[in-house]
C-alpha atoms as a PDB file:
ATOM      1  CA  UNK A   1     -28.290  83.475 106.924  1.00  0.00           C
ATOM      2  CA  UNK A   2     -25.998  83.647 109.845  1.00  0.00           C
ATOM      3  CA  UNK A   3     -26.748  87.187 110.993  1.00  0.00           C
ATOM      4  CA  UNK A   4     -28.357  87.360 114.407  1.00  0.00           C
ATOM      5  CA  UNK A   5     -31.233  89.404 112.962  1.00  0.00           C
ATOM      6  CA  UNK A   6     -32.269  86.653 110.516  1.00  0.00           C
ATOM      7  CA  UNK A   7     -35.483  84.787 111.186  1.00  0.00           C
ATOM      8  CA  UNK A   8     -34.667  81.131 110.557  1.00  0.00           C
ATOM      9  CA  UNK A   9     -37.714  78.902 110.223  1.00  0.00           C
ATOM     10  CA  UNK A  10     -37.579  75.142 110.515  1.00  0.00           C
ATOM     11  CA  UNK A  11     -40.699  73.022 109.987  1.00  0.00           C
ATOM     12  CA  UNK A  12     -42.260  71.633 113.163  1.00  0.00           C
ATOM     13  CA  UNK A  13     -40.111  73.809 115.439  1.00  0.00           C
ATOM     14  CA  UNK A  14     -42.455  76.573 116.524  1.00  0.00           C
ATOM     15  CA  UNK A  15     -42.605  78.027 113.011  1.00  0.00           C
ATOM     16  CA  UNK A  16     -46.175  79.281 113.343  1.00  0.00           C
ATOM     17  CA  UNK A  17     -45.720  81.085 116.657  1.00  0.00           C
ATOM     18  CA  UNK A  18     -42.430  82.579 115.457  1.00  0.00           C
ATOM     19  CA  UNK A  19     -44.096  83.900 112.320  1.00  0.00           C
ATOM     20  CA  UNK A  20     -46.855  85.463 114.404  1.00  0.00           C
ATOM     21  CA  UNK A  21     -44.277  87.041 116.717  1.00  0.00           C
ATOM     22  CA  UNK A  22     -42.623  88.561 113.657  1.00  0.00           C
ATOM     23  CA  UNK A  23     -45.963  89.934 112.471  1.00  0.00           C
ATOM     24  CA  UNK A  24     -46.758  91.390 115.897  1.00  0.00           C
ATOM     25  CA  UNK A  25     -43.336  93.068 116.043  1.00  0.00           C
ATOM     26  CA  UNK A  26     -43.914  94.733 112.680  1.00  0.00           C
ATOM     27  CA  UNK A  27     -47.344  96.177 113.490  1.00  0.00           C
ATOM     28  CA  UNK A  28     -47.751  99.918 113.921  1.00  0.00           C
ATOM     29  CA  UNK A  29     -47.913 101.039 117.525  1.00  0.00           C
ATOM     30  CA  UNK A  30     -51.482 101.217 118.735  1.00  0.00           C
ATOM     31  CA  UNK A  31     -52.737  98.301 116.640  1.00  0.00           C
ATOM     32  CA  UNK A  32     -55.559  96.861 118.695  1.00  0.00           C
ATOM     33  CA  UNK A  33     -56.230  93.562 116.956  1.00  0.00           C
ATOM     34  CA  UNK A  34     -55.067  91.183 114.263  1.00  0.00           C
ATOM     35  CA  UNK A  35     -57.428  89.368 111.904  1.00  0.00           C
ATOM     36  CA  UNK A  36     -56.611  86.239 109.927  1.00  0.00           C
ATOM     37  CA  UNK A  37     -58.550  83.960 107.623  1.00  0.00           C
ATOM     38  CA  UNK A  38     -58.216  80.281 106.815  1.00  0.00           C
ATOM     39  CA  UNK A  39     -60.248  77.688 104.982  1.00  0.00           C
ATOM     40  CA  UNK A  40     -62.646  76.179 107.494  1.00  0.00           C
ATOM     41  CA  UNK A  41     -61.830  72.699 106.224  1.00  0.00           C
ATOM     42  CA  UNK A  42     -58.236  73.231 107.429  1.00  0.00           C
ATOM     43  CA  UNK A  43     -58.916  72.097 110.975  1.00  0.00           C
ATOM     44  CA  UNK A  44     -55.252  72.065 111.976  1.00  0.00           C
ATOM     45  CA  UNK A  45     -55.012  75.782 111.130  1.00  0.00           C
ATOM     46  CA  UNK A  46     -58.102  76.400 113.245  1.00  0.00           C
ATOM     47  CA  UNK A  47     -56.576  74.556 116.204  1.00  0.00           C
ATOM     48  CA  UNK A  48     -53.326  76.465 115.827  1.00  0.00           C
ATOM     49  CA  UNK A  49     -55.012  79.871 115.808  1.00  0.00           C
ATOM     50  CA  UNK A  50     -57.190  78.870 118.773  1.00  0.00           C
ATOM     51  CA  UNK A  51     -54.041  77.965 120.737  1.00  0.00           C
ATOM     52  CA  UNK A  52     -52.564  81.324 119.774  1.00  0.00           C
ATOM     53  CA  UNK A  53     -55.567  83.192 121.175  1.00  0.00           C
ATOM     54  CA  UNK A  54     -57.544  83.914 118.005  1.00  0.00           C
ATOM     55  CA  UNK A  55     -61.329  83.704 118.323  1.00  0.00           C
ATOM     56  CA  UNK A  56     -63.760  83.045 115.488  1.00  0.00           C
ATOM     57  CA  UNK A  57     -65.339  86.273 114.324  1.00  0.00           C
ATOM     58  CA  UNK A  58     -67.321  84.914 111.395  1.00  0.00           C
ATOM     59  CA  UNK A  59     -67.530  82.113 108.854  1.00  0.00           C
ATOM     60  CA  UNK A  60     -68.232  82.939 105.217  1.00  0.00           C
ATOM     61  CA  UNK A  61     -69.690  80.499 102.741  1.00  0.00           C
ATOM     62  CA  UNK A  62     -68.020  80.391  99.349  1.00  0.00           C
ATOM     63  CA  UNK A  63     -69.871  82.062  96.489  1.00  0.00           C
ATOM     64  CA  UNK A  64     -69.631  78.739  94.660  1.00  0.00           C
ATOM     65  CA  UNK A  65     -71.382  76.952  97.503  1.00  0.00           C
ATOM     66  CA  UNK A  66     -68.429  74.566  97.799  1.00  0.00           C
ATOM     67  CA  UNK A  67     -68.048  73.795 101.533  1.00  0.00           C
ATOM     68  CA  UNK A  68     -64.313  73.187 101.000  1.00  0.00           C
ATOM     69  CA  UNK A  69     -63.954  76.880 100.191  1.00  0.00           C
ATOM     70  CA  UNK A  70     -65.760  78.155 103.300  1.00  0.00           C
ATOM     71  CA  UNK A  71     -63.564  80.701 105.082  1.00  0.00           C
ATOM     72  CA  UNK A  72     -63.229  81.245 108.830  1.00  0.00           C
ATOM     73  CA  UNK A  73     -62.170  84.691 110.025  1.00  0.00           C
ATOM     74  CA  UNK A  74     -60.470  84.915 113.423  1.00  0.00           C
ATOM     75  CA  UNK A  75     -59.363  87.892 115.495  1.00  0.00           C
ATOM     76  CA  UNK A  76     -57.018  88.421 118.399  1.00  0.00           C
ATOM     77  CA  UNK A  77     -57.008  91.499 120.588  1.00  0.00           C
ATOM     78  CA  UNK A  78     -53.575  92.879 121.337  1.00  0.00           C
ATOM     79  CA  UNK A  79     -54.471  95.052 124.315  1.00  0.00           C
END
C-alpha cells in the first residue's frame, strides 16, 4: 500500500470525510445529491453527517417497532 493512488485510512484521522471524498469522486458527472441512512440511535453518526452537510430527509420506524432500529435518512445536495 505504498502507491500514491492508495487510500490509506487510519481511525480517528479524518477517516469519515476521506471516505466521503472518495465517494464523491466516484459519482457519475451530474449527480445532484447523495443520500445516506444510519440508525437513529447512532447519534455520533448523525452528528458526523450534520457536520458534513447532510440534512435529515426522513426518519423511518422499524417494522418491528423497536426504536433501536429506527432509521434516519439524510441527503446532501452537490450543486
